[in-house]
């Protein structure tokens, strides 16, 4: 099983409110309610609600990764670049993601 990846780039950092929007979209795609996801991710319902609705100023790493893991997502670290990725770079990354899962 391949995990979707949330990637941010220097020059195009994903703000927390955008991350919250993406989490809400994925939660709805999976047919999960907020209370169900909050319980599965071991975070408070008020925390998840604030994150999804752009009212969260900051959120700790473990809470973010718990929420992402509960949705089948993960953070991906990569070398920072001063510019947005090119189409070729994004296509190469997509090809890499479609390959065998090397963690097994």
N, C-alpha and C. Protein backbone atom coordinates (compact mmCIF):
# COMPACT_ATOMS: atom_id res chain seq x y z
N UNK A 1 0.84 -1.17 0.00
CA UNK A 1 0.00 0.00 0.00
C UNK A 1 0.89 1.23 0.00
N UNK A 2 0.60 2.17 -0.89
CA UNK A 2 1.36 3.41 -0.96
C UNK A 2 0.64 4.45 -0.12
N UNK A 3 1.40 5.22 0.64
CA UNK A 3 0.83 6.30 1.43
C UNK A 3 0.93 7.59 0.66
N UNK A 4 -0.13 8.37 0.69
CA UNK A 4 -0.07 9.70 0.09
C UNK A 4 0.92 10.51 0.88
N UNK A 5 1.48 11.51 0.25
CA UNK A 5 2.52 12.29 0.88
C UNK A 5 2.15 13.76 0.83
N UNK A 6 2.31 14.44 1.94
CA UNK A 6 2.14 15.88 1.96
C UNK A 6 3.53 16.48 1.94
N UNK A 7 3.81 17.28 0.91
CA UNK A 7 5.14 17.84 0.71
C UNK A 7 5.08 19.35 0.75
N UNK A 8 6.05 19.98 1.37
CA UNK A 8 6.14 21.43 1.32
C UNK A 8 7.51 21.81 0.80
N UNK A 9 7.57 22.96 0.17
CA UNK A 9 8.81 23.44 -0.42
C UNK A 9 9.12 24.82 0.14
N UNK A 10 10.40 25.14 0.29
CA UNK A 10 10.78 26.51 0.63
C UNK A 10 10.29 27.36 -0.53
N UNK A 11 9.66 28.46 -0.24
CA UNK A 11 9.07 29.29 -1.29
C UNK A 11 7.62 28.91 -1.51
N UNK A 12 7.23 27.74 -1.06
CA UNK A 12 5.84 27.31 -1.15
C UNK A 12 5.56 26.43 0.06
N UNK A 13 5.79 26.98 1.23
CA UNK A 13 5.53 26.23 2.46
C UNK A 13 4.03 26.08 2.64
N UNK A 14 3.60 24.95 3.08
CA UNK A 14 2.19 24.70 3.30
C UNK A 14 1.81 25.25 4.66
N UNK A 15 1.02 26.35 4.69
CA UNK A 15 0.62 26.91 5.98
C UNK A 15 -0.32 25.95 6.71
N UNK A 16 -0.39 26.10 8.02
CA UNK A 16 -1.20 25.20 8.84
C UNK A 16 -2.66 25.19 8.41
N UNK A 17 -3.21 26.36 8.03
CA UNK A 17 -4.61 26.38 7.61
C UNK A 17 -4.82 25.58 6.33
N UNK A 18 -3.83 25.58 5.42
CA UNK A 18 -3.94 24.78 4.20
C UNK A 18 -3.84 23.29 4.52
N UNK A 19 -2.99 22.96 5.46
CA UNK A 19 -2.89 21.57 5.90
C UNK A 19 -4.23 21.12 6.47
N UNK A 20 -4.86 21.99 7.27
CA UNK A 20 -6.17 21.68 7.84
C UNK A 20 -7.21 21.45 6.77
N UNK A 21 -7.18 22.26 5.71
CA UNK A 21 -8.12 22.08 4.59
C UNK A 21 -7.91 20.73 3.93
N UNK A 22 -6.63 20.36 3.71
CA UNK A 22 -6.33 19.08 3.07
C UNK A 22 -6.76 17.91 3.96
N UNK A 23 -6.59 18.06 5.26
CA UNK A 23 -7.01 17.02 6.19
C UNK A 23 -8.53 16.85 6.13
N UNK A 24 -9.26 17.97 6.10
CA UNK A 24 -10.73 17.89 6.01
C UNK A 24 -11.17 17.21 4.72
N UNK A 25 -10.51 17.54 3.62
CA UNK A 25 -10.86 16.92 2.33
C UNK A 25 -10.63 15.42 2.39
N UNK A 26 -9.48 15.01 2.89
CA UNK A 26 -9.15 13.58 2.96
C UNK A 26 -10.10 12.85 3.92
N UNK A 27 -10.41 13.47 5.05
CA UNK A 27 -11.33 12.87 6.03
C UNK A 27 -12.68 12.61 5.37
N UNK A 28 -13.18 13.59 4.63
CA UNK A 28 -14.47 13.44 3.96
C UNK A 28 -14.41 12.38 2.86
N UNK A 29 -13.29 12.34 2.11
CA UNK A 29 -13.11 11.31 1.08
C UNK A 29 -13.20 9.91 1.68
N UNK A 30 -12.66 9.77 2.89
CA UNK A 30 -12.66 8.47 3.57
C UNK A 30 -13.97 8.19 4.30
N UNK A 31 -14.87 9.16 4.31
CA UNK A 31 -16.15 8.99 4.97
C UNK A 31 -16.06 8.98 6.48
N UNK A 32 -15.05 9.66 7.03
CA UNK A 32 -14.88 9.72 8.48
C UNK A 32 -15.51 10.99 9.04
N UNK A 33 -16.13 10.87 10.19
CA UNK A 33 -16.61 12.05 10.89
C UNK A 33 -15.45 12.66 11.68
N UNK A 34 -15.60 13.90 12.10
CA UNK A 34 -14.57 14.52 12.93
C UNK A 34 -14.37 13.75 14.23
N UNK A 35 -15.46 13.37 14.94
CA UNK A 35 -15.23 12.61 16.18
C UNK A 35 -14.50 11.29 15.95
N UNK A 36 -14.81 10.61 14.85
CA UNK A 36 -14.14 9.34 14.55
C UNK A 36 -12.66 9.54 14.29
N UNK A 37 -12.33 10.55 13.47
CA UNK A 37 -10.92 10.82 13.18
C UNK A 37 -10.18 11.28 14.43
N UNK A 38 -10.80 12.15 15.22
CA UNK A 38 -10.15 12.63 16.45
C UNK A 38 -9.81 11.46 17.37
N UNK A 39 -10.73 10.53 17.52
CA UNK A 39 -10.48 9.37 18.38
C UNK A 39 -9.38 8.49 17.79
N UNK A 40 -9.46 8.23 16.48
CA UNK A 40 -8.47 7.39 15.81
C UNK A 40 -7.06 8.01 15.89
N UNK A 41 -7.00 9.35 15.81
CA UNK A 41 -5.71 10.05 15.83
C UNK A 41 -5.26 10.41 17.24
N UNK A 42 -6.10 10.15 18.22
CA UNK A 42 -5.78 10.45 19.61
C UNK A 42 -5.52 11.94 19.84
N UNK A 43 -6.42 12.76 19.26
CA UNK A 43 -6.38 14.21 19.49
C UNK A 43 -7.77 14.65 19.90
N UNK A 44 -7.86 15.79 20.53
CA UNK A 44 -9.16 16.31 20.94
C UNK A 44 -9.99 16.74 19.74
N UNK A 45 -11.29 16.57 19.86
CA UNK A 45 -12.20 17.00 18.80
C UNK A 45 -12.07 18.50 18.55
N UNK A 46 -11.91 19.28 19.60
CA UNK A 46 -11.77 20.74 19.44
C UNK A 46 -10.48 21.07 18.67
N UNK A 47 -9.42 20.30 18.89
CA UNK A 47 -8.16 20.50 18.16
C UNK A 47 -8.36 20.23 16.68
N UNK A 48 -8.97 19.10 16.36
CA UNK A 48 -9.21 18.75 14.96
C UNK A 48 -10.12 19.77 14.29
N UNK A 49 -11.18 20.17 14.99
CA UNK A 49 -12.11 21.15 14.43
C UNK A 49 -11.40 22.47 14.15
N UNK A 50 -10.58 22.93 15.10
CA UNK A 50 -9.85 24.18 14.91
C UNK A 50 -8.86 24.07 13.75
N UNK A 51 -8.20 22.94 13.63
CA UNK A 51 -7.25 22.73 12.54
C UNK A 51 -7.96 22.77 11.19
N UNK A 52 -9.05 22.02 11.06
CA UNK A 52 -9.78 21.95 9.80
C UNK A 52 -10.41 23.29 9.41
N UNK A 53 -10.72 24.12 10.40
CA UNK A 53 -11.39 25.38 10.12
C UNK A 53 -10.46 26.59 10.17
N UNK A 54 -9.16 26.35 10.17
CA UNK A 54 -8.18 27.42 10.08
C UNK A 54 -8.05 28.28 11.31
N UNK A 55 -8.44 27.75 12.47
CA UNK A 55 -8.36 28.52 13.71
C UNK A 55 -7.20 28.07 14.60
N UNK A 56 -6.33 27.25 14.08
CA UNK A 56 -5.22 26.70 14.87
C UNK A 56 -3.96 27.50 14.55
N UNK A 57 -3.40 28.16 15.56
CA UNK A 57 -2.18 28.95 15.36
C UNK A 57 -0.97 28.05 15.18
N UNK A 58 -0.82 27.07 16.06
CA UNK A 58 0.28 26.12 16.00
C UNK A 58 -0.20 24.77 16.48
N UNK A 59 0.47 23.74 16.04
CA UNK A 59 0.13 22.38 16.45
C UNK A 59 1.41 21.57 16.49
N UNK A 60 1.57 20.77 17.53
CA UNK A 60 2.78 19.97 17.69
C UNK A 60 2.93 18.86 16.65
N UNK A 61 4.17 18.48 16.45
CA UNK A 61 4.53 17.46 15.47
C UNK A 61 3.78 16.14 15.70
N UNK A 62 3.72 15.66 16.94
CA UNK A 62 3.10 14.36 17.18
C UNK A 62 1.61 14.39 16.87
N UNK A 63 0.93 15.49 17.17
CA UNK A 63 -0.49 15.57 16.85
C UNK A 63 -0.71 15.60 15.34
N UNK A 64 0.12 16.36 14.63
CA UNK A 64 -0.01 16.40 13.17
C UNK A 64 0.24 15.02 12.58
N UNK A 65 1.30 14.36 13.00
CA UNK A 65 1.61 13.05 12.43
C UNK A 65 0.56 12.00 12.82
N UNK A 66 -0.02 12.11 14.01
CA UNK A 66 -1.10 11.19 14.40
C UNK A 66 -2.31 11.36 13.49
N UNK A 67 -2.67 12.60 13.20
CA UNK A 67 -3.81 12.87 12.33
C UNK A 67 -3.53 12.35 10.92
N UNK A 68 -2.35 12.67 10.41
CA UNK A 68 -1.99 12.22 9.07
C UNK A 68 -1.97 10.70 8.97
N UNK A 69 -1.38 10.04 9.97
CA UNK A 69 -1.32 8.58 9.96
C UNK A 69 -2.71 7.97 9.98
N UNK A 70 -3.62 8.57 10.74
CA UNK A 70 -4.99 8.06 10.81
C UNK A 70 -5.70 8.18 9.47
N UNK A 71 -5.20 9.07 8.62
CA UNK A 71 -5.78 9.25 7.28
C UNK A 71 -4.99 8.52 6.20
N UNK A 72 -3.92 7.82 6.60
CA UNK A 72 -3.09 7.13 5.62
C UNK A 72 -2.13 8.07 4.91
N UNK A 73 -1.79 9.18 5.55
CA UNK A 73 -0.87 10.17 4.99
C UNK A 73 0.39 10.22 5.84
N UNK A 74 1.43 10.81 5.30
CA UNK A 74 2.67 10.99 6.06
C UNK A 74 3.36 12.27 5.60
N UNK A 75 4.22 12.80 6.45
CA UNK A 75 5.06 13.94 6.09
C UNK A 75 6.27 13.43 5.32
N UNK A 76 6.76 14.24 4.42
CA UNK A 76 7.95 13.85 3.65
C UNK A 76 8.95 14.98 3.75
N UNK A 77 10.13 14.68 4.22
CA UNK A 77 11.20 15.66 4.29
C UNK A 77 12.02 15.58 3.02
N UNK A 78 12.44 16.73 2.54
CA UNK A 78 13.29 16.74 1.35
C UNK A 78 14.16 17.98 1.39
N UNK A 79 15.17 17.97 0.56
CA UNK A 79 16.08 19.10 0.48
C UNK A 79 15.30 20.35 0.10
N UNK A 80 15.53 21.42 0.83
CA UNK A 80 14.86 22.68 0.54
C UNK A 80 15.40 23.27 -0.75
N UNK A 81 14.53 23.89 -1.51
CA UNK A 81 14.96 24.58 -2.73
C UNK A 81 14.41 26.00 -2.68
N UNK A 82 15.05 26.88 -3.37
CA UNK A 82 14.66 28.28 -3.33
C UNK A 82 13.47 28.58 -4.23
N UNK A 83 13.06 27.62 -5.03
CA UNK A 83 11.96 27.87 -5.96
C UNK A 83 10.98 26.72 -5.94
N UNK A 84 9.86 26.95 -6.57
CA UNK A 84 8.86 25.89 -6.68
C UNK A 84 9.38 24.80 -7.61
N UNK A 85 8.92 23.57 -7.43
CA UNK A 85 9.41 22.49 -8.29
C UNK A 85 8.92 22.68 -9.73
N UNK A 86 9.70 22.16 -10.65
CA UNK A 86 9.30 22.19 -12.06
C UNK A 86 8.33 21.05 -12.31
N UNK A 87 7.64 21.11 -13.43
CA UNK A 87 6.73 20.03 -13.81
C UNK A 87 7.49 18.72 -13.92
N UNK A 88 8.68 18.77 -14.48
CA UNK A 88 9.49 17.55 -14.61
C UNK A 88 9.82 16.95 -13.25
N UNK A 89 10.15 17.81 -12.27
CA UNK A 89 10.46 17.33 -10.92
C UNK A 89 9.23 16.69 -10.28
N UNK A 90 8.08 17.30 -10.45
CA UNK A 90 6.85 16.73 -9.90
C UNK A 90 6.51 15.40 -10.55
N UNK A 91 6.70 15.31 -11.87
CA UNK A 91 6.43 14.06 -12.58
C UNK A 91 7.39 12.96 -12.13
N UNK A 92 8.64 13.31 -11.92
CA UNK A 92 9.64 12.34 -11.43
C UNK A 92 9.26 11.86 -10.03
N UNK A 93 8.84 12.78 -9.18
CA UNK A 93 8.41 12.40 -7.83
C UNK A 93 7.20 11.48 -7.88
N UNK A 94 6.26 11.76 -8.77
CA UNK A 94 5.08 10.91 -8.90
C UNK A 94 5.47 9.51 -9.37
N UNK A 95 6.44 9.44 -10.31
CA UNK A 95 6.91 8.12 -10.77
C UNK A 95 7.55 7.36 -9.62
N UNK A 96 8.34 8.06 -8.80
CA UNK A 96 8.98 7.43 -7.64
C UNK A 96 7.94 6.92 -6.66
N UNK A 97 6.87 7.69 -6.45
CA UNK A 97 5.81 7.30 -5.52
C UNK A 97 5.03 6.09 -6.01
N UNK A 98 4.99 5.88 -7.32
CA UNK A 98 4.25 4.75 -7.88
C UNK A 98 5.05 3.46 -7.85
N UNK A 99 6.32 3.54 -7.49
CA UNK A 99 7.16 2.35 -7.43
C UNK A 99 6.86 1.51 -6.21
N UNK A 100 7.58 0.40 -6.06
CA UNK A 100 7.34 -0.48 -4.91
C UNK A 100 7.64 0.24 -3.60
N UNK A 101 6.91 -0.12 -2.59
CA UNK A 101 7.11 0.46 -1.26
C UNK A 101 8.37 -0.15 -0.67
N UNK A 102 9.42 0.65 -0.53
CA UNK A 102 10.71 0.14 -0.11
C UNK A 102 10.85 -0.06 1.39
N UNK A 103 9.83 0.32 2.15
CA UNK A 103 9.92 0.18 3.61
C UNK A 103 9.63 -1.25 4.06
N UNK A 104 9.17 -2.09 3.22
CA UNK A 104 8.86 -3.46 3.64
C UNK A 104 10.05 -4.35 3.58
